[in-house]
């Protein structure tokens, strides 16, 4: 199992709409509006890195109002 935080930059005024849409995607554990350099932070899980990549590229980045994403896989040191 792989977990990641996905930092999302949205179009102006779209953060709440994007967070709501992302929250409904299977594999997304949480989607929160935040302040700072990013507008939404998502916690997601997948079976492996390939599945995580498909989740981000095919499902999350397809949502209207998203400008950019940054995926940060969780590591256990």
N, C-alpha and C. Protein backbone atom coordinates (compact mmCIF):
# COMPACT_ATOMS: atom_id res chain seq x y z
N UNK A 1 0.84 -1.17 0.00
CA UNK A 1 0.00 0.00 0.00
C UNK A 1 0.89 1.24 0.00
N UNK A 2 0.52 2.22 -0.81
CA UNK A 2 1.26 3.48 -0.93
C UNK A 2 0.32 4.62 -0.53
N UNK A 3 0.83 5.54 0.27
CA UNK A 3 0.08 6.74 0.64
C UNK A 3 0.82 7.95 0.10
N UNK A 4 0.08 9.01 -0.16
CA UNK A 4 0.71 10.24 -0.65
C UNK A 4 -0.14 11.44 -0.26
N UNK A 5 0.53 12.56 -0.14
CA UNK A 5 -0.15 13.85 -0.05
C UNK A 5 -0.06 14.48 -1.43
N UNK A 6 -1.16 15.01 -1.89
CA UNK A 6 -1.20 15.65 -3.20
C UNK A 6 -1.56 17.11 -2.97
N UNK A 7 -0.64 17.99 -3.30
CA UNK A 7 -0.83 19.43 -3.13
C UNK A 7 -1.39 19.98 -4.43
N UNK A 8 -2.48 20.72 -4.33
CA UNK A 8 -3.18 21.18 -5.52
C UNK A 8 -3.25 22.70 -5.55
N UNK A 9 -2.88 23.26 -6.68
CA UNK A 9 -3.03 24.68 -6.96
C UNK A 9 -4.25 24.81 -7.86
N UNK A 10 -5.21 25.62 -7.45
CA UNK A 10 -6.45 25.77 -8.22
C UNK A 10 -6.53 27.15 -8.87
N UNK A 11 -7.50 27.27 -9.76
CA UNK A 11 -7.84 28.59 -10.29
C UNK A 11 -8.42 29.41 -9.13
N UNK A 12 -8.34 30.72 -9.24
CA UNK A 12 -8.84 31.60 -8.19
C UNK A 12 -10.33 31.32 -7.94
N UNK A 13 -10.66 31.14 -6.67
CA UNK A 13 -12.04 30.94 -6.26
C UNK A 13 -12.57 29.53 -6.46
N UNK A 14 -11.73 28.57 -6.83
CA UNK A 14 -12.18 27.21 -7.12
C UNK A 14 -11.79 26.19 -6.05
N UNK A 15 -11.13 26.59 -4.97
CA UNK A 15 -10.60 25.64 -4.00
C UNK A 15 -11.70 24.77 -3.38
N UNK A 16 -12.77 25.35 -2.93
CA UNK A 16 -13.84 24.57 -2.29
C UNK A 16 -14.47 23.59 -3.27
N UNK A 17 -14.70 24.04 -4.47
CA UNK A 17 -15.29 23.19 -5.51
C UNK A 17 -14.36 22.02 -5.84
N UNK A 18 -13.07 22.28 -5.97
CA UNK A 18 -12.09 21.24 -6.28
C UNK A 18 -11.99 20.25 -5.12
N UNK A 19 -11.90 20.74 -3.88
CA UNK A 19 -11.79 19.86 -2.72
C UNK A 19 -13.00 18.93 -2.63
N UNK A 20 -14.17 19.45 -2.87
CA UNK A 20 -15.39 18.65 -2.84
C UNK A 20 -15.37 17.57 -3.91
N UNK A 21 -14.96 17.92 -5.11
CA UNK A 21 -14.91 16.96 -6.21
C UNK A 21 -13.87 15.88 -5.96
N UNK A 22 -12.71 16.27 -5.48
CA UNK A 22 -11.63 15.31 -5.22
C UNK A 22 -12.02 14.36 -4.09
N UNK A 23 -12.71 14.85 -3.08
CA UNK A 23 -13.09 14.03 -1.93
C UNK A 23 -13.94 12.83 -2.33
N UNK A 24 -14.65 12.92 -3.43
CA UNK A 24 -15.52 11.84 -3.88
C UNK A 24 -14.83 10.77 -4.70
N UNK A 25 -13.54 10.89 -4.94
CA UNK A 25 -12.81 9.93 -5.76
C UNK A 25 -12.36 8.75 -4.90
N UNK A 26 -12.61 7.52 -5.34
CA UNK A 26 -12.12 6.36 -4.59
C UNK A 26 -10.60 6.40 -4.45
N UNK A 27 -10.11 6.13 -3.26
CA UNK A 27 -8.68 6.19 -2.98
C UNK A 27 -8.29 7.47 -2.26
N UNK A 28 -9.16 8.47 -2.28
CA UNK A 28 -8.91 9.72 -1.57
C UNK A 28 -9.46 9.59 -0.16
N UNK A 29 -8.58 9.74 0.82
CA UNK A 29 -8.98 9.65 2.22
C UNK A 29 -9.48 10.97 2.76
N UNK A 30 -8.87 12.07 2.30
CA UNK A 30 -9.26 13.40 2.77
C UNK A 30 -8.85 14.43 1.73
N UNK A 31 -9.64 15.49 1.64
CA UNK A 31 -9.34 16.63 0.77
C UNK A 31 -9.73 17.89 1.53
N UNK A 32 -8.76 18.72 1.82
CA UNK A 32 -8.98 19.90 2.65
C UNK A 32 -8.55 21.18 1.95
N UNK A 33 -9.38 22.23 2.06
CA UNK A 33 -8.98 23.57 1.62
C UNK A 33 -7.95 24.09 2.62
N UNK A 34 -6.90 24.71 2.14
CA UNK A 34 -5.87 25.26 3.03
C UNK A 34 -5.46 26.64 2.53
N UNK A 35 -4.72 27.35 3.37
CA UNK A 35 -4.14 28.62 2.94
C UNK A 35 -2.65 28.40 2.73
N UNK A 36 -2.03 29.28 1.99
CA UNK A 36 -0.60 29.16 1.71
C UNK A 36 -0.37 29.02 0.22
N UNK A 37 0.78 28.44 -0.16
CA UNK A 37 1.12 28.37 -1.58
C UNK A 37 0.23 27.41 -2.37
N UNK A 38 -0.43 26.46 -1.69
CA UNK A 38 -1.37 25.55 -2.35
C UNK A 38 -2.76 25.80 -1.81
N UNK A 39 -3.77 25.38 -2.55
CA UNK A 39 -5.16 25.66 -2.20
C UNK A 39 -5.89 24.46 -1.59
N UNK A 40 -5.48 23.26 -1.97
CA UNK A 40 -6.10 22.03 -1.48
C UNK A 40 -4.99 21.02 -1.21
N UNK A 41 -5.12 20.30 -0.09
CA UNK A 41 -4.21 19.19 0.20
C UNK A 41 -5.05 17.93 0.32
N UNK A 42 -4.59 16.89 -0.37
CA UNK A 42 -5.31 15.61 -0.43
C UNK A 42 -4.42 14.53 0.16
N UNK A 43 -5.02 13.61 0.91
CA UNK A 43 -4.33 12.38 1.35
C UNK A 43 -4.98 11.24 0.59
N UNK A 44 -4.16 10.46 -0.12
CA UNK A 44 -4.67 9.37 -0.95
C UNK A 44 -3.87 8.10 -0.71
N UNK A 45 -4.50 6.96 -0.97
CA UNK A 45 -3.82 5.68 -0.90
C UNK A 45 -4.08 4.89 -2.17
N UNK A 46 -3.14 4.02 -2.49
CA UNK A 46 -3.26 3.15 -3.66
C UNK A 46 -2.47 1.87 -3.38
N UNK A 47 -2.70 0.86 -4.19
CA UNK A 47 -2.00 -0.41 -4.00
C UNK A 47 -0.51 -0.32 -4.33
N UNK A 48 -0.16 0.51 -5.31
CA UNK A 48 1.24 0.66 -5.71
C UNK A 48 1.43 2.02 -6.38
N UNK A 49 2.67 2.34 -6.75
CA UNK A 49 2.97 3.65 -7.33
C UNK A 49 2.29 3.84 -8.69
N UNK A 50 2.16 2.79 -9.47
CA UNK A 50 1.49 2.91 -10.76
C UNK A 50 0.03 3.29 -10.58
N UNK A 51 -0.63 2.65 -9.64
CA UNK A 51 -2.03 2.98 -9.36
C UNK A 51 -2.16 4.40 -8.84
N UNK A 52 -1.22 4.81 -8.00
CA UNK A 52 -1.23 6.19 -7.49
C UNK A 52 -1.08 7.17 -8.64
N UNK A 53 -0.18 6.89 -9.56
CA UNK A 53 0.01 7.75 -10.72
C UNK A 53 -1.25 7.86 -11.56
N UNK A 54 -1.94 6.75 -11.76
CA UNK A 54 -3.19 6.78 -12.52
C UNK A 54 -4.26 7.58 -11.79
N UNK A 55 -4.31 7.44 -10.47
CA UNK A 55 -5.26 8.20 -9.66
C UNK A 55 -5.04 9.70 -9.86
N UNK A 56 -3.79 10.12 -9.78
CA UNK A 56 -3.48 11.55 -9.90
C UNK A 56 -3.73 12.05 -11.32
N UNK A 57 -3.18 11.36 -12.30
CA UNK A 57 -3.24 11.86 -13.68
C UNK A 57 -4.64 11.70 -14.29
N UNK A 58 -5.23 10.54 -14.14
CA UNK A 58 -6.50 10.27 -14.82
C UNK A 58 -7.72 10.80 -14.07
N UNK A 59 -7.65 10.81 -12.74
CA UNK A 59 -8.84 11.19 -11.97
C UNK A 59 -8.75 12.59 -11.39
N UNK A 60 -7.67 12.87 -10.66
CA UNK A 60 -7.58 14.15 -9.96
C UNK A 60 -7.29 15.29 -10.93
N UNK A 61 -6.28 15.15 -11.79
CA UNK A 61 -5.93 16.24 -12.69
C UNK A 61 -7.01 16.52 -13.73
N UNK A 62 -7.95 15.61 -13.89
CA UNK A 62 -9.04 15.81 -14.85
C UNK A 62 -10.13 16.74 -14.31
N UNK A 63 -10.08 17.07 -13.04
CA UNK A 63 -11.11 17.92 -12.44
C UNK A 63 -10.94 19.37 -12.88
N UNK A 64 -12.03 19.96 -13.30
CA UNK A 64 -12.02 21.35 -13.74
C UNK A 64 -11.65 22.27 -12.59
N UNK A 65 -10.77 23.22 -12.86
CA UNK A 65 -10.37 24.20 -11.85
C UNK A 65 -8.99 23.94 -11.28
N UNK A 66 -8.38 22.80 -11.61
CA UNK A 66 -7.04 22.50 -11.12
C UNK A 66 -6.01 23.02 -12.11
N UNK A 67 -5.06 23.79 -11.61
CA UNK A 67 -3.96 24.31 -12.43
C UNK A 67 -2.74 23.40 -12.38
N UNK A 68 -2.41 22.88 -11.18
CA UNK A 68 -1.18 22.12 -11.02
C UNK A 68 -1.29 21.22 -9.79
N UNK A 69 -0.62 20.07 -9.84
CA UNK A 69 -0.54 19.19 -8.67
C UNK A 69 0.91 18.87 -8.37
N UNK A 70 1.17 18.54 -7.12
CA UNK A 70 2.48 18.07 -6.68
C UNK A 70 2.22 16.87 -5.78
N UNK A 71 2.68 15.69 -6.20
CA UNK A 71 2.44 14.46 -5.44
C UNK A 71 3.65 14.16 -4.56
N UNK A 72 3.38 13.95 -3.27
CA UNK A 72 4.42 13.68 -2.29
C UNK A 72 4.16 12.33 -1.63
N UNK A 73 4.77 11.26 -2.16
CA UNK A 73 4.57 9.94 -1.56
C UNK A 73 5.12 9.90 -0.13
N UNK A 74 4.42 9.19 0.74
CA UNK A 74 4.86 9.02 2.11
C UNK A 74 5.92 7.94 2.15
N UNK A 75 7.03 8.19 2.85
CA UNK A 75 8.09 7.20 3.02
C UNK A 75 8.21 6.87 4.50
N UNK A 76 8.63 5.67 4.77
CA UNK A 76 8.83 5.23 6.16
C UNK A 76 10.32 4.95 6.33
N UNK A 77 11.01 5.89 6.98
CA UNK A 77 12.46 5.79 7.17
C UNK A 77 12.82 5.02 8.43
